[in-house]
Protein backbone atom coordinates (compact mmCIF):
# COMPACT_ATOMS: atom_id res chain seq x y z
CA MET A 1 0.03 -0.29 -0.09
CA ALA A 2 2.82 2.25 0.89
CA GLU A 3 4.67 1.76 -2.90
CA LYS A 4 1.49 2.84 -4.29
CA GLU A 5 1.37 6.01 -2.20
CA ALA A 6 4.65 6.84 -2.62
CA GLY A 7 4.05 6.50 -6.71
CA PRO A 8 1.71 9.63 -6.91
CA LYS A 9 4.27 11.90 -4.53
CA LYS A 10 7.13 11.46 -6.55
CA ALA A 11 5.09 12.47 -9.26
CA THR A 12 3.81 15.74 -8.22
CA LEU A 13 7.35 16.21 -6.65
CA ALA A 14 8.86 16.15 -10.43
CA ARG A 15 6.00 18.13 -11.98
CA THR A 16 6.52 20.89 -9.37
CA VAL A 17 10.01 21.64 -9.88
CA LYS A 18 9.03 21.31 -13.63
CA ASP A 19 7.04 23.89 -13.42
CA LYS A 20 9.62 25.81 -11.46
CA TRP A 21 11.95 25.91 -14.29
CA ARG A 22 9.03 26.71 -16.84
CA SER A 23 8.16 29.97 -14.73
CA LYS A 24 11.67 31.17 -15.01
CA HIS A 25 13.16 33.76 -17.72
CA TRP A 26 16.73 34.54 -19.43
CA TYR A 27 17.75 38.09 -18.65
CA LYS A 28 20.33 39.46 -20.98
CA VAL A 29 22.90 41.91 -18.84
CA ARG A 30 24.15 44.19 -20.53
CA ALA A 31 27.50 46.60 -19.23
CA PRO A 32 26.37 50.28 -19.00
CA GLY A 33 27.44 53.35 -21.44
CA PHE A 34 31.12 54.09 -21.21
CA PHE A 35 31.26 50.15 -21.70
CA GLN A 36 29.49 50.77 -24.72
CA HIS A 37 26.52 48.66 -23.55
CA VAL A 38 28.01 45.21 -24.13
CA ASP A 39 26.54 42.18 -23.05
CA LEU A 40 27.90 40.43 -19.54
CA GLY A 41 25.85 37.09 -20.24
CA GLU A 42 22.63 36.12 -18.90
CA THR A 43 21.25 35.00 -15.70
CA MET A 44 17.87 33.08 -15.16
CA ALA A 45 14.79 34.33 -12.71
CA SER A 46 11.24 33.98 -11.98
CA GLU A 47 10.53 37.64 -11.46
CA PRO A 48 12.71 41.33 -12.40
CA GLU A 49 13.15 42.08 -9.30
CA GLN A 50 15.33 38.53 -8.53
CA VAL A 51 17.64 39.80 -10.44
CA ILE A 52 18.70 42.95 -9.19
CA GLY A 53 21.97 43.54 -6.91
CA ARG A 54 23.43 39.89 -8.27
CA THR A 55 26.78 40.48 -9.36
CA LEU A 56 28.82 39.43 -12.39
CA GLU A 57 32.32 39.23 -13.02
CA VAL A 58 34.12 39.38 -16.75
CA SER A 59 37.79 39.84 -17.77
CA LEU A 60 38.70 43.05 -19.85
CA GLN A 61 39.58 40.66 -22.46
CA ASP A 62 36.92 38.65 -22.50
CA LEU A 63 34.52 42.50 -22.77
CA SER A 64 36.60 43.23 -25.16
CA GLY A 65 36.00 40.25 -27.50
CA GLY A 66 40.14 39.19 -27.56
CA ALA A 67 40.65 42.59 -28.25
CA ASP A 68 42.75 43.58 -25.32
CA ILE A 69 45.15 40.38 -25.62
CA GLY A 70 47.24 40.24 -22.59
CA LYS A 71 44.29 41.40 -20.18
CA ALA A 72 42.70 38.79 -18.75
CA HIS A 73 44.14 38.96 -15.06
CA ILE A 74 42.27 41.94 -15.12
CA LYS A 75 38.77 41.28 -13.29
CA LEU A 76 35.71 43.33 -13.88
CA ARG A 77 33.18 43.93 -11.77
CA PHE A 78 29.38 44.67 -12.71
CA GLN A 79 26.43 44.70 -10.65
CA ILE A 80 22.34 44.82 -11.33
CA GLU A 81 20.57 47.84 -10.71
CA ARG A 82 17.16 47.67 -12.72
CA VAL A 83 15.61 45.42 -15.51
CA THR A 84 14.38 47.59 -18.45
CA GLY A 85 11.70 45.98 -21.03
CA GLU A 86 12.49 42.75 -23.59
CA ASN A 87 14.27 40.93 -20.65
CA VAL A 88 17.10 43.16 -20.46
CA ALA A 89 19.18 44.00 -16.90
CA GLU A 90 21.11 47.22 -16.68
CA ALA A 91 24.43 46.62 -14.63
CA ARG A 92 26.73 49.16 -13.25
CA PHE A 93 30.76 49.03 -12.89
CA ILE A 94 31.41 48.51 -9.12
CA GLY A 95 35.28 47.74 -9.44
CA HIS A 96 37.75 45.23 -10.05
CA ASP A 97 41.01 42.96 -9.18
CA LEU A 98 44.06 41.37 -10.68
CA THR A 99 44.20 38.14 -9.93
CA SER A 100 45.86 36.78 -7.19
CA ASP A 101 48.26 34.41 -9.32
CA TYR A 102 49.52 37.94 -11.37
CA VAL A 103 49.88 39.79 -8.09
CA ARG A 104 52.36 37.08 -6.67
CA ARG A 105 54.41 37.23 -10.02
CA LEU A 106 54.79 41.13 -9.80
CA ALA A 107 56.69 40.25 -6.12
CA ARG A 108 59.20 37.78 -6.44
CA ARG A 109 61.82 37.26 -4.22
CA LYS A 110 64.42 40.26 -4.37
CA ARG A 111 61.67 42.32 -4.87
CA SER A 112 60.01 45.51 -2.88
CA LYS A 113 56.64 45.56 -2.59
CA ILE A 114 54.45 48.84 -1.81
CA ASP A 115 51.15 48.24 -0.63
CA THR A 116 48.27 50.65 0.05
CA SER A 117 45.18 51.53 0.43
CA LEU A 118 42.85 55.23 0.09
CA LEU A 119 39.61 56.80 -0.81
CA VAL A 120 40.25 59.20 -3.73
CA THR A 121 36.78 61.64 -5.07
CA THR A 122 36.53 62.06 -8.83
CA LYS A 123 35.94 65.28 -10.41
CA ASP A 124 32.53 64.19 -10.43
CA GLY A 125 31.94 63.45 -7.40
CA ILE A 126 32.54 59.77 -7.20
CA GLU A 127 33.78 57.93 -4.69
CA ILE A 128 36.56 55.02 -5.26
CA ILE A 129 38.42 52.86 -3.03
CA LEU A 130 41.65 52.27 -4.32
CA LYS A 131 44.48 49.38 -3.63
CA PRO A 132 47.50 49.98 -5.19
CA VAL A 133 51.07 47.67 -5.24
CA ALA A 134 54.21 48.74 -6.63
CA VAL A 135 57.27 47.03 -6.97
CA GLY A 136 60.90 47.85 -6.86
CA GLU A 137 63.33 45.74 -8.40
CA GLN A 138 65.48 45.80 -5.71
CA ARG A 139 64.92 45.80 -0.99
CA LEU A 140 64.36 49.36 -0.15
CA GLN A 141 64.71 50.37 3.19
CA THR A 142 61.77 51.35 5.14
CA ARG A 143 62.37 54.87 5.42
CA LEU A 144 62.22 55.21 0.92
CA ARG A 145 58.97 53.05 1.20
CA ALA A 146 57.59 55.02 3.59
CA GLU A 147 58.36 58.25 1.27
CA LEU A 148 57.25 56.25 -2.30
CA ARG A 149 54.30 55.22 -0.57
CA HIS A 150 53.23 58.68 0.37
CA LYS A 151 54.11 60.29 -2.98
CA LEU A 152 52.41 57.88 -4.62
CA ARG A 153 48.75 58.62 -2.42
CA SER A 154 49.53 61.86 -3.04
CA LEU A 155 49.58 61.36 -6.96
CA LEU A 156 46.18 59.46 -6.93
CA ILE A 157 44.23 61.84 -4.89
CA GLU A 158 45.58 64.58 -7.10
CA GLU A 159 44.98 62.76 -10.50
CA ALA A 160 41.32 61.93 -9.67
CA LYS A 161 40.39 65.44 -8.82
CA VAL A 162 40.66 66.70 -11.95
CA LYS A 163 39.26 63.55 -13.94
CA THR A 164 35.74 62.71 -14.31
CA SER A 165 34.51 59.30 -12.85
CA PRO A 166 34.64 57.42 -16.59
CA GLU A 167 37.93 59.19 -17.16
CA PHE A 168 39.46 57.82 -14.55
CA VAL A 169 38.09 54.53 -14.66
CA ARG A 170 39.34 54.61 -18.17
CA GLU A 171 42.68 55.45 -17.28
CA MET A 172 43.06 52.89 -14.56
CA LEU A 173 42.13 49.91 -16.44
CA GLN A 174 43.76 50.70 -19.50
CA GLY A 175 47.16 51.11 -17.70
CA ASP A 176 47.79 54.69 -18.24
CA LEU A 177 47.62 55.85 -14.44
CA GLY A 178 50.46 53.44 -13.80
CA LYS A 179 52.27 54.75 -16.12
CA LEU A 180 51.64 58.46 -14.72
CA LEU A 181 52.70 57.35 -10.87
CA SER A 182 55.74 55.46 -12.17
CA HIS A 183 56.55 58.97 -13.92
CA GLY A 184 55.78 60.97 -10.93
CA LEU A 185 57.86 58.85 -8.78
CA LYS A 186 61.15 58.22 -10.71
CA THR A 187 62.58 61.18 -8.87
CA LEU A 188 62.26 59.55 -5.63
CA TYR A 189 63.36 55.76 -7.19
CA PRO A 190 62.23 54.27 -10.65
CA LEU A 191 59.85 51.48 -9.72
CA LYS A 192 59.80 48.86 -11.66
CA LYS A 193 55.87 48.42 -11.73
CA ILE A 194 52.80 50.32 -9.97
CA GLU A 195 49.45 48.82 -10.55
CA ILE A 196 45.89 49.17 -9.27
CA ARG A 197 45.40 45.74 -8.02
CA SER A 198 41.61 46.66 -6.65
CA SER A 199 39.26 49.55 -6.63
CA VAL A 200 35.88 49.63 -5.38
CA VAL A 201 33.25 52.52 -6.88
CA LEU A 202 30.99 53.72 -4.34
CA GLY A 203 28.33 55.27 -6.46
CA THR A 204 26.80 55.14 -9.95
CA ILE A 205 29.36 56.02 -12.57
CA ALA A 206 26.93 58.54 -14.74
CA ASP A 207 27.34 57.58 -18.87
CA GLU A 208 29.09 59.77 -20.89
CA LEU A 209 27.77 62.31 -23.43
CA PRO A 210 26.79 60.58 -26.63
CA SER A 211 28.97 62.58 -29.28
CA SER A 212 25.42 63.53 -30.72
CA GLU A 213 25.06 66.02 -27.64
CA ALA A 214 28.49 67.16 -28.05
CA PRO A 215 29.03 70.59 -29.88
CA ALA A 216 30.30 70.68 -32.96
CA PRO A 217 33.13 73.26 -33.78
CA LYS A 218 32.67 75.65 -36.10
CA PRO A 219 34.66 75.67 -39.17
CA VAL A 220 37.51 78.56 -40.10
CA GLU A 221 36.81 80.50 -42.68
CA PRO A 222 39.42 81.67 -45.22
CA GLU A 223 40.63 85.48 -44.66
CA GLY A 224 39.61 87.85 -47.47
CA GLU A 225 36.18 85.88 -48.49
CA PRO A 226 32.44 86.39 -46.94
CA GLU A 227 31.14 84.40 -44.12
CA ALA A 228 29.01 81.53 -44.92
CA PRO A 229 25.68 81.21 -42.62
CA ASP A 230 26.24 78.24 -40.59
CA ALA A 231 24.66 74.92 -41.45
CA PRO A 232 23.15 72.54 -38.99
CA SER A 233 26.29 69.99 -38.12
CA VAL A 234 25.07 66.41 -38.17
CA THR A 235 27.33 64.21 -35.24
CA PRO A 236 27.05 60.06 -35.48
CA SER A 237 25.10 59.05 -32.51
CA GLY A 238 26.10 56.68 -30.45
CA VAL A 239 27.98 56.31 -26.94
CA ALA A 240 31.08 57.20 -25.47
CA GLU A 241 33.64 54.31 -26.79
CA ILE A 242 36.33 53.40 -24.09
CA PRO A 243 39.43 52.99 -26.35
CA SER A 244 41.52 49.42 -26.20
CA VAL A 245 43.77 48.74 -23.83
């Protein structure tokens, strides 16, 4: 008798599980505007509210479709903040990390590693926690390490003040920020490598204005010729492009 009752129960359980999967939908996750709204992947949920707050991680190399060869060690983090029509989930950039094996390779034996952590504020008021790492070719004295750490923090704070958050993030991910820091510190000591090994964005970075909204430059008329009336300028529309790293 017990065996006869077990059969319908198992069938009911299997039907319930099957119905739960049928009720779920795939949501395409899209990057913010200054990453050109590229697709980050897909996630599944029964309701749109369930995907909000989920985080995704993708390498810079994968984000660029393989164009940025050698950037697989840079892991970008995104968090879904809203769902729009046609099951599209919009995500914001929340920070990045370098893989642990890459950081270990930077600080090999007989090298000096300088770590620090600080909060910077960009020109448009976005706060970002930065964790830079600097590597010297030789072992450095404690006093020199302290001077380099202090100068490194000052350079990062000043650079963030004059850059908008999209500009600062682009500079950080492209490696231009590391080059700028190396140039600023070479008067104290020529460091071998400077990287931002981790960042945390404490706000939402606004998308840059598309080029169609930027004012077109007025053409310069040759001297001695009458000035022609201004013609309506036409510029291509689109989101701001992040150059290849």
